[in-house]
């Protein structure tokens, strides 16, 4: 299965982004309100300056306490962001997520972000693919 198939099946609300300079407290509130695990830090909603995850916020809270919540997302976000393309396979995406220890990857078309996929999206797609294969094999065995 390809990333394009995952993106096609996702709701088309767009990628949730946050502006550089936003406080960690505001970012945490956004993550909680939208019930998401990460937000892309972007100036224009199409370029990727970084990704801020719940883990990033929790790590800073553990290190420095609540005083860090007034700091900018720029100081905490992951700057070295790996993306994927519509043509990438789910196997490649899972391998990248596992090796790099990322749970979210921006989907890029050239320099423009066109989507965001999570490890949950990829696992759900793989499970669907496995179910289709199982059904096809069962059908062959049963003579359907």
N, C-alpha and C. Protein backbone atom coordinates (compact mmCIF):
# COMPACT_ATOMS: atom_id res chain seq x y z
N UNK A 1 0.85 -1.18 0.00
CA UNK A 1 0.00 0.00 0.00
C UNK A 1 0.89 1.24 0.00
N UNK A 2 0.39 2.30 -0.62
CA UNK A 2 1.15 3.55 -0.74
C UNK A 2 0.59 4.64 0.17
N UNK A 3 1.43 5.61 0.46
CA UNK A 3 1.02 6.75 1.28
C UNK A 3 -0.17 7.45 0.64
N UNK A 4 -0.21 7.52 -0.68
CA UNK A 4 -1.33 8.19 -1.36
C UNK A 4 -2.66 7.55 -1.00
N UNK A 5 -2.69 6.24 -0.80
CA UNK A 5 -3.92 5.55 -0.43
C UNK A 5 -4.34 5.90 1.00
N UNK A 6 -3.38 6.06 1.88
CA UNK A 6 -3.68 6.43 3.26
C UNK A 6 -4.24 7.85 3.29
N UNK A 7 -3.58 8.76 2.58
CA UNK A 7 -4.01 10.16 2.55
C UNK A 7 -5.41 10.28 1.97
N UNK A 8 -5.70 9.50 0.95
CA UNK A 8 -7.01 9.54 0.29
C UNK A 8 -8.12 9.15 1.27
N UNK A 9 -7.82 8.26 2.21
CA UNK A 9 -8.83 7.77 3.16
C UNK A 9 -8.94 8.61 4.43
N UNK A 10 -8.06 9.59 4.59
CA UNK A 10 -8.11 10.45 5.78
C UNK A 10 -9.12 11.57 5.57
N UNK A 11 -9.72 12.05 6.66
CA UNK A 11 -10.59 13.23 6.54
C UNK A 11 -9.80 14.40 5.97
N UNK A 12 -10.44 15.25 5.21
CA UNK A 12 -9.74 16.34 4.51
C UNK A 12 -9.81 17.65 5.26
N UNK A 13 -9.51 17.63 6.55
CA UNK A 13 -9.51 18.87 7.32
C UNK A 13 -8.20 19.62 7.21
N UNK A 14 -7.23 19.05 6.54
CA UNK A 14 -5.92 19.67 6.42
C UNK A 14 -5.04 19.31 7.60
N UNK A 15 -3.81 19.77 7.53
CA UNK A 15 -2.84 19.50 8.58
C UNK A 15 -2.95 20.59 9.65
N UNK A 16 -2.98 20.18 10.89
CA UNK A 16 -3.00 21.15 11.99
C UNK A 16 -1.59 21.70 12.14
N UNK A 17 -1.48 23.01 12.07
CA UNK A 17 -0.17 23.66 12.22
C UNK A 17 -0.26 24.72 13.31
N UNK A 18 0.92 25.11 13.76
CA UNK A 18 1.04 26.17 14.76
C UNK A 18 2.21 27.06 14.33
N UNK A 19 2.10 28.33 14.62
CA UNK A 19 3.13 29.28 14.21
C UNK A 19 4.34 29.22 15.12
N UNK A 20 5.53 29.42 14.55
CA UNK A 20 6.70 29.57 15.41
C UNK A 20 6.46 30.73 16.37
N UNK A 21 7.00 30.64 17.54
CA UNK A 21 6.81 31.70 18.54
C UNK A 21 5.65 31.46 19.47
N UNK A 22 4.80 30.51 19.16
CA UNK A 22 3.67 30.17 20.04
C UNK A 22 4.22 29.55 21.32
N UNK A 23 3.59 29.83 22.44
CA UNK A 23 4.06 29.29 23.72
C UNK A 23 3.75 27.80 23.81
N UNK A 24 4.55 27.11 24.62
CA UNK A 24 4.30 25.68 24.85
C UNK A 24 2.93 25.46 25.49
N UNK A 25 2.52 26.38 26.36
CA UNK A 25 1.21 26.25 27.00
C UNK A 25 0.10 26.28 25.96
N UNK A 26 0.17 27.22 25.01
CA UNK A 26 -0.84 27.30 23.96
C UNK A 26 -0.80 26.07 23.06
N UNK A 27 0.40 25.58 22.78
CA UNK A 27 0.54 24.38 21.95
C UNK A 27 -0.07 23.17 22.66
N UNK A 28 0.20 23.05 23.96
CA UNK A 28 -0.36 21.93 24.73
C UNK A 28 -1.88 21.99 24.75
N UNK A 29 -2.42 23.19 24.89
CA UNK A 29 -3.88 23.35 24.87
C UNK A 29 -4.45 22.94 23.52
N UNK A 30 -3.78 23.32 22.44
CA UNK A 30 -4.23 22.94 21.09
C UNK A 30 -4.23 21.42 20.93
N UNK A 31 -3.15 20.78 21.37
CA UNK A 31 -3.07 19.32 21.26
C UNK A 31 -4.21 18.66 22.03
N UNK A 32 -4.47 19.16 23.23
CA UNK A 32 -5.55 18.60 24.05
C UNK A 32 -6.92 18.85 23.43
N UNK A 33 -7.15 20.09 22.99
CA UNK A 33 -8.45 20.44 22.40
C UNK A 33 -8.75 19.63 21.14
N UNK A 34 -7.74 19.42 20.32
CA UNK A 34 -7.94 18.71 19.06
C UNK A 34 -7.74 17.21 19.19
N UNK A 35 -7.31 16.78 20.39
CA UNK A 35 -7.08 15.36 20.67
C UNK A 35 -6.11 14.74 19.67
N UNK A 36 -4.97 15.43 19.50
CA UNK A 36 -3.93 14.96 18.60
C UNK A 36 -2.61 14.86 19.36
N UNK A 37 -1.67 14.10 18.83
CA UNK A 37 -0.41 13.86 19.51
C UNK A 37 0.75 14.73 19.07
N UNK A 38 0.57 15.44 17.97
CA UNK A 38 1.65 16.28 17.46
C UNK A 38 1.07 17.37 16.57
N UNK A 39 1.83 18.44 16.44
CA UNK A 39 1.43 19.55 15.59
C UNK A 39 2.66 19.99 14.79
N UNK A 40 2.43 20.33 13.54
CA UNK A 40 3.51 20.81 12.68
C UNK A 40 3.69 22.30 12.94
N UNK A 41 4.95 22.70 13.14
CA UNK A 41 5.28 24.11 13.31
C UNK A 41 5.58 24.64 11.91
N UNK A 42 4.80 25.66 11.50
CA UNK A 42 4.90 26.16 10.13
C UNK A 42 4.54 27.65 10.08
N UNK A 43 5.27 28.36 9.25
CA UNK A 43 5.01 29.78 9.05
C UNK A 43 3.76 29.98 8.18
N UNK A 44 3.60 29.11 7.17
CA UNK A 44 2.57 29.32 6.17
C UNK A 44 1.59 28.15 5.99
N UNK A 45 1.74 27.11 6.80
CA UNK A 45 0.86 25.95 6.67
C UNK A 45 1.27 24.98 5.59
N UNK A 46 2.33 25.29 4.86
CA UNK A 46 2.79 24.41 3.78
C UNK A 46 4.25 23.99 3.96
N UNK A 47 5.05 24.86 4.56
CA UNK A 47 6.44 24.52 4.84
C UNK A 47 6.52 23.94 6.25
N UNK A 48 7.57 23.17 6.51
CA UNK A 48 7.72 22.52 7.81
C UNK A 48 8.98 23.06 8.49
N UNK A 49 8.77 23.79 9.59
CA UNK A 49 9.90 24.28 10.39
C UNK A 49 10.27 23.25 11.45
N UNK A 50 9.29 22.47 11.88
CA UNK A 50 9.52 21.45 12.89
C UNK A 50 8.22 20.77 13.27
N UNK A 51 8.33 19.83 14.18
CA UNK A 51 7.16 19.14 14.72
C UNK A 51 7.28 19.17 16.24
N UNK A 52 6.16 19.46 16.89
CA UNK A 52 6.10 19.45 18.34
C UNK A 52 5.13 18.36 18.76
N UNK A 53 5.60 17.45 19.60
CA UNK A 53 4.75 16.35 20.06
C UNK A 53 4.49 16.46 21.55
N UNK A 54 3.51 15.70 21.99
CA UNK A 54 3.23 15.62 23.42
C UNK A 54 4.48 15.20 24.18
N UNK A 55 5.23 14.28 23.61
CA UNK A 55 6.46 13.81 24.25
C UNK A 55 7.46 14.94 24.45
N UNK A 56 7.57 15.81 23.45
CA UNK A 56 8.49 16.95 23.56
C UNK A 56 8.12 17.82 24.76
N UNK A 57 6.83 18.07 24.92
CA UNK A 57 6.36 18.92 26.01
C UNK A 57 6.58 18.25 27.35
N UNK A 58 6.24 16.98 27.44
CA UNK A 58 6.42 16.25 28.70
C UNK A 58 7.90 16.18 29.08
N UNK A 59 8.76 15.98 28.12
CA UNK A 59 10.20 15.92 28.38
C UNK A 59 10.69 17.24 28.99
N UNK A 60 10.23 18.36 28.43
CA UNK A 60 10.64 19.67 28.96
C UNK A 60 10.05 19.92 30.34
N UNK A 61 8.81 19.52 30.56
CA UNK A 61 8.21 19.66 31.88
C UNK A 61 8.98 18.87 32.93
N UNK A 62 9.40 17.68 32.58
CA UNK A 62 10.16 16.85 33.51
C UNK A 62 11.52 17.46 33.82
N UNK A 63 12.14 18.08 32.81
CA UNK A 63 13.47 18.68 33.00
C UNK A 63 13.42 19.97 33.79
N UNK A 64 12.44 20.84 33.43
CA UNK A 64 12.49 22.21 33.95
C UNK A 64 11.25 22.67 34.69
N UNK A 65 10.24 21.83 34.74
CA UNK A 65 9.03 22.22 35.45
C UNK A 65 8.15 23.14 34.61
N UNK A 66 7.10 23.64 35.23
CA UNK A 66 6.08 24.41 34.50
C UNK A 66 6.58 25.73 33.93
N UNK A 67 7.72 26.21 34.39
CA UNK A 67 8.27 27.46 33.85
C UNK A 67 8.52 27.38 32.35
N UNK A 68 8.75 26.17 31.84
CA UNK A 68 9.01 26.01 30.40
C UNK A 68 7.78 26.31 29.56
N UNK A 69 6.60 26.30 30.14
CA UNK A 69 5.37 26.50 29.38
C UNK A 69 5.26 27.89 28.76
N UNK A 70 6.01 28.84 29.26
CA UNK A 70 5.99 30.18 28.68
C UNK A 70 6.95 30.30 27.50
N UNK A 71 7.79 29.31 27.32
CA UNK A 71 8.76 29.34 26.22
C UNK A 71 8.09 29.06 24.88
N UNK A 72 8.80 29.41 23.84
CA UNK A 72 8.32 29.23 22.47
C UNK A 72 8.49 27.78 22.02
N UNK A 73 7.59 27.35 21.16
CA UNK A 73 7.69 26.00 20.59
C UNK A 73 8.99 25.83 19.83
N UNK A 74 9.55 26.92 19.33
CA UNK A 74 10.80 26.87 18.57
C UNK A 74 11.93 26.25 19.38
N UNK A 75 11.91 26.43 20.70
CA UNK A 75 12.98 25.95 21.57
C UNK A 75 12.86 24.47 21.90
N UNK A 76 11.71 23.87 21.61
CA UNK A 76 11.45 22.50 22.03
C UNK A 76 11.17 21.56 20.86
N UNK A 77 10.68 22.09 19.78
CA UNK A 77 10.25 21.27 18.64
C UNK A 77 11.41 20.46 18.06
N UNK A 78 11.07 19.39 17.38
CA UNK A 78 12.03 18.61 16.62
C UNK A 78 12.25 19.33 15.30
N UNK A 79 13.49 19.74 15.07
CA UNK A 79 13.80 20.50 13.86
C UNK A 79 14.18 19.60 12.68
N UNK A 80 14.77 18.48 12.97
CA UNK A 80 15.19 17.56 11.92
C UNK A 80 14.02 16.64 11.59
N UNK A 81 13.18 17.12 10.68
CA UNK A 81 11.95 16.41 10.36
C UNK A 81 12.14 15.58 9.10
N UNK A 82 11.74 14.33 9.17
CA UNK A 82 11.76 13.45 8.02
C UNK A 82 10.34 13.39 7.47
N UNK A 83 10.21 13.49 6.17
CA UNK A 83 8.91 13.40 5.53
C UNK A 83 8.84 12.19 4.62
N UNK A 84 7.73 12.05 3.98
CA UNK A 84 7.54 10.99 3.00
C UNK A 84 6.79 11.57 1.82
N UNK A 85 6.72 10.80 0.74
CA UNK A 85 6.00 11.26 -0.45
C UNK A 85 4.79 10.36 -0.69
N UNK A 86 3.93 10.80 -1.57
CA UNK A 86 2.73 10.02 -1.90
C UNK A 86 3.07 8.65 -2.48
N UNK A 87 4.23 8.54 -3.10
CA UNK A 87 4.63 7.30 -3.76
C UNK A 87 5.33 6.32 -2.82
N UNK A 88 5.63 6.72 -1.60
CA UNK A 88 6.31 5.83 -0.66
C UNK A 88 5.38 4.71 -0.20
N UNK A 89 5.96 3.55 0.06
CA UNK A 89 5.18 2.41 0.55
C UNK A 89 5.00 2.50 2.06
N UNK A 90 3.98 1.84 2.55
CA UNK A 90 3.75 1.82 3.99
C UNK A 90 4.90 1.10 4.70
N UNK A 91 5.51 0.13 4.03
CA UNK A 91 6.65 -0.57 4.63
C UNK A 91 7.82 0.40 4.86
N UNK A 92 8.09 1.24 3.87
CA UNK A 92 9.17 2.22 4.00
C UNK A 92 8.85 3.23 5.10
N UNK A 93 7.59 3.67 5.17
CA UNK A 93 7.19 4.64 6.20
C UNK A 93 7.33 4.02 7.59
N UNK A 94 6.89 2.79 7.76
CA UNK A 94 7.02 2.12 9.06
C UNK A 94 8.49 1.95 9.45
N UNK A 95 9.30 1.62 8.47
CA UNK A 95 10.74 1.47 8.72
C UNK A 95 11.35 2.80 9.17
N UNK A 96 11.00 3.88 8.49
CA UNK A 96 11.50 5.21 8.85
C UNK A 96 11.03 5.60 10.24
N UNK A 97 9.74 5.40 10.53
CA UNK A 97 9.20 5.75 11.84
C UNK A 97 9.89 4.97 12.94
N UNK A 98 10.14 3.70 12.70
CA UNK A 98 10.77 2.84 13.70
C UNK A 98 12.22 3.23 13.92
N UNK A 99 12.97 3.38 12.85
CA UNK A 99 14.40 3.72 12.96
C UNK A 99 14.63 5.10 13.56
N UNK A 100 13.83 6.07 13.16
CA UNK A 100 14.02 7.45 13.61
C UNK A 100 13.24 7.76 14.89
N UNK A 101 12.37 6.82 15.31
CA UNK A 101 11.56 6.97 16.52
C UNK A 101 10.60 8.16 16.42
N UNK A 102 9.97 8.29 15.25
CA UNK A 102 8.96 9.31 15.01
C UNK A 102 7.61 8.63 14.91
N UNK A 103 6.57 9.32 15.35
CA UNK A 103 5.21 8.79 15.24
C UNK A 103 4.40 9.53 14.19
N UNK A 104 4.95 10.61 13.65
CA UNK A 104 4.25 11.42 12.65
C UNK A 104 5.23 11.81 11.57
N UNK A 105 4.78 11.75 10.31
CA UNK A 105 5.59 12.18 9.18
C UNK A 105 4.76 13.09 8.28
N UNK A 106 5.30 14.25 7.95
CA UNK A 106 4.62 15.08 6.95
C UNK A 106 4.70 14.40 5.58
N UNK A 107 3.64 14.52 4.83
CA UNK A 107 3.62 14.02 3.46
C UNK A 107 3.93 15.22 2.58
N UNK A 108 5.00 15.10 1.81
CA UNK A 108 5.51 16.22 1.03
C UNK A 108 5.31 15.99 -0.46
N UNK A 109 5.01 17.08 -1.14
CA UNK A 109 4.99 17.09 -2.60
C UNK A 109 5.95 18.22 -2.97
N UNK A 110 7.18 17.85 -3.29
CA UNK A 110 8.23 18.84 -3.46
C UNK A 110 8.55 19.45 -2.11
N UNK A 111 8.49 20.76 -2.02
CA UNK A 111 8.76 21.46 -0.76
C UNK A 111 7.48 21.78 0.01
N UNK A 112 6.34 21.33 -0.49
CA UNK A 112 5.06 21.66 0.11
C UNK A 112 4.46 20.48 0.87
N UNK A 113 4.06 20.73 2.13
CA UNK A 113 3.40 19.72 2.93
C UNK A 113 1.94 19.61 2.47
N UNK A 114 1.53 18.40 2.14
CA UNK A 114 0.15 18.19 1.69
C UNK A 114 -0.65 17.30 2.63
N UNK A 115 0.02 16.78 3.66
CA UNK A 115 -0.67 15.93 4.61
C UNK A 115 0.25 15.54 5.74
N UNK A 116 -0.29 14.80 6.66
CA UNK A 116 0.47 14.29 7.81
C UNK A 116 -0.09 12.91 8.12
N UNK A 117 0.81 11.93 8.25
CA UNK A 117 0.34 10.60 8.63
C UNK A 117 0.99 10.20 9.95
N UNK A 118 0.23 9.46 10.72
CA UNK A 118 0.71 8.99 12.01
C UNK A 118 0.97 7.50 11.92
N UNK A 119 1.65 6.99 12.92
CA UNK A 119 1.90 5.56 12.96
C UNK A 119 0.57 4.80 13.05
N UNK A 120 -0.42 5.40 13.70
CA UNK A 120 -1.74 4.79 13.76
C UNK A 120 -2.39 4.67 12.40
N UNK A 121 -2.22 5.70 11.55
CA UNK A 121 -2.75 5.65 10.19
C UNK A 121 -2.12 4.50 9.41
N UNK A 122 -0.81 4.35 9.56
CA UNK A 122 -0.07 3.33 8.81
C UNK A 122 -0.44 1.93 9.30
N UNK A 123 -0.53 1.76 10.61
CA UNK A 123 -0.89 0.46 11.17
C UNK A 123 -2.31 0.08 10.73
N UNK A 124 -3.24 1.02 10.77
CA UNK A 124 -4.61 0.74 10.32
C UNK A 124 -4.63 0.32 8.85
N UNK A 125 -3.84 0.98 8.02
CA UNK A 125 -3.77 0.64 6.60
C UNK A 125 -3.19 -0.76 6.41
N UNK A 126 -2.15 -1.08 7.18
CA UNK A 126 -1.54 -2.41 7.08
C UNK A 126 -2.53 -3.49 7.52
N UNK A 127 -3.27 -3.23 8.60
CA UNK A 127 -4.26 -4.20 9.07
C UNK A 127 -5.35 -4.43 8.02
N UNK A 128 -5.78 -3.35 7.37
CA UNK A 128 -6.78 -3.46 6.31
C UNK A 128 -6.24 -4.30 5.15
N UNK A 129 -5.00 -4.03 4.80
CA UNK A 129 -4.35 -4.78 3.72
C UNK A 129 -4.25 -6.26 4.07
N UNK A 130 -3.88 -6.57 5.30
CA UNK A 130 -3.78 -7.97 5.74
C UNK A 130 -5.14 -8.65 5.73
N UNK A 131 -6.19 -7.93 6.11
CA UNK A 131 -7.54 -8.51 6.10
C UNK A 131 -7.97 -8.85 4.68
N UNK A 132 -7.66 -7.94 3.73
CA UNK A 132 -8.00 -8.21 2.33
C UNK A 132 -7.26 -9.45 1.81
N UNK A 133 -5.98 -9.57 2.17
CA UNK A 133 -5.21 -10.74 1.75
C UNK A 133 -5.79 -12.01 2.37
N UNK A 134 -6.14 -11.95 3.65
CA UNK A 134 -6.73 -13.10 4.34
C UNK A 134 -8.02 -13.52 3.66
N UNK A 135 -8.88 -12.54 3.36
CA UNK A 135 -10.15 -12.84 2.71
C UNK A 135 -9.94 -13.47 1.34
N UNK A 136 -8.97 -12.94 0.60
CA UNK A 136 -8.69 -13.50 -0.74
C UNK A 136 -8.18 -14.93 -0.63
N UNK A 137 -7.28 -15.19 0.30
CA UNK A 137 -6.75 -16.55 0.47
C UNK A 137 -7.83 -17.50 0.96
N UNK A 138 -8.66 -17.04 1.87
CA UNK A 138 -9.77 -17.87 2.35
C UNK A 138 -10.72 -18.21 1.21
N UNK A 139 -10.99 -17.22 0.38
CA UNK A 139 -11.84 -17.44 -0.78
C UNK A 139 -11.26 -18.46 -1.75
N UNK A 140 -9.94 -18.38 -1.95
CA UNK A 140 -9.29 -19.33 -2.85
C UNK A 140 -9.36 -20.75 -2.28
N UNK A 141 -9.12 -20.88 -0.98
CA UNK A 141 -9.13 -22.19 -0.35
C UNK A 141 -10.53 -22.78 -0.35
N UNK A 142 -11.53 -21.93 -0.11
CA UNK A 142 -12.91 -22.39 -0.01
C UNK A 142 -13.55 -22.54 -1.41
N UNK A 143 -12.86 -22.05 -2.42
CA UNK A 143 -13.38 -22.15 -3.77
C UNK A 143 -14.38 -21.09 -4.16
N UNK A 144 -14.32 -19.92 -3.54
CA UNK A 144 -15.25 -18.83 -3.87
C UNK A 144 -14.81 -18.13 -5.10
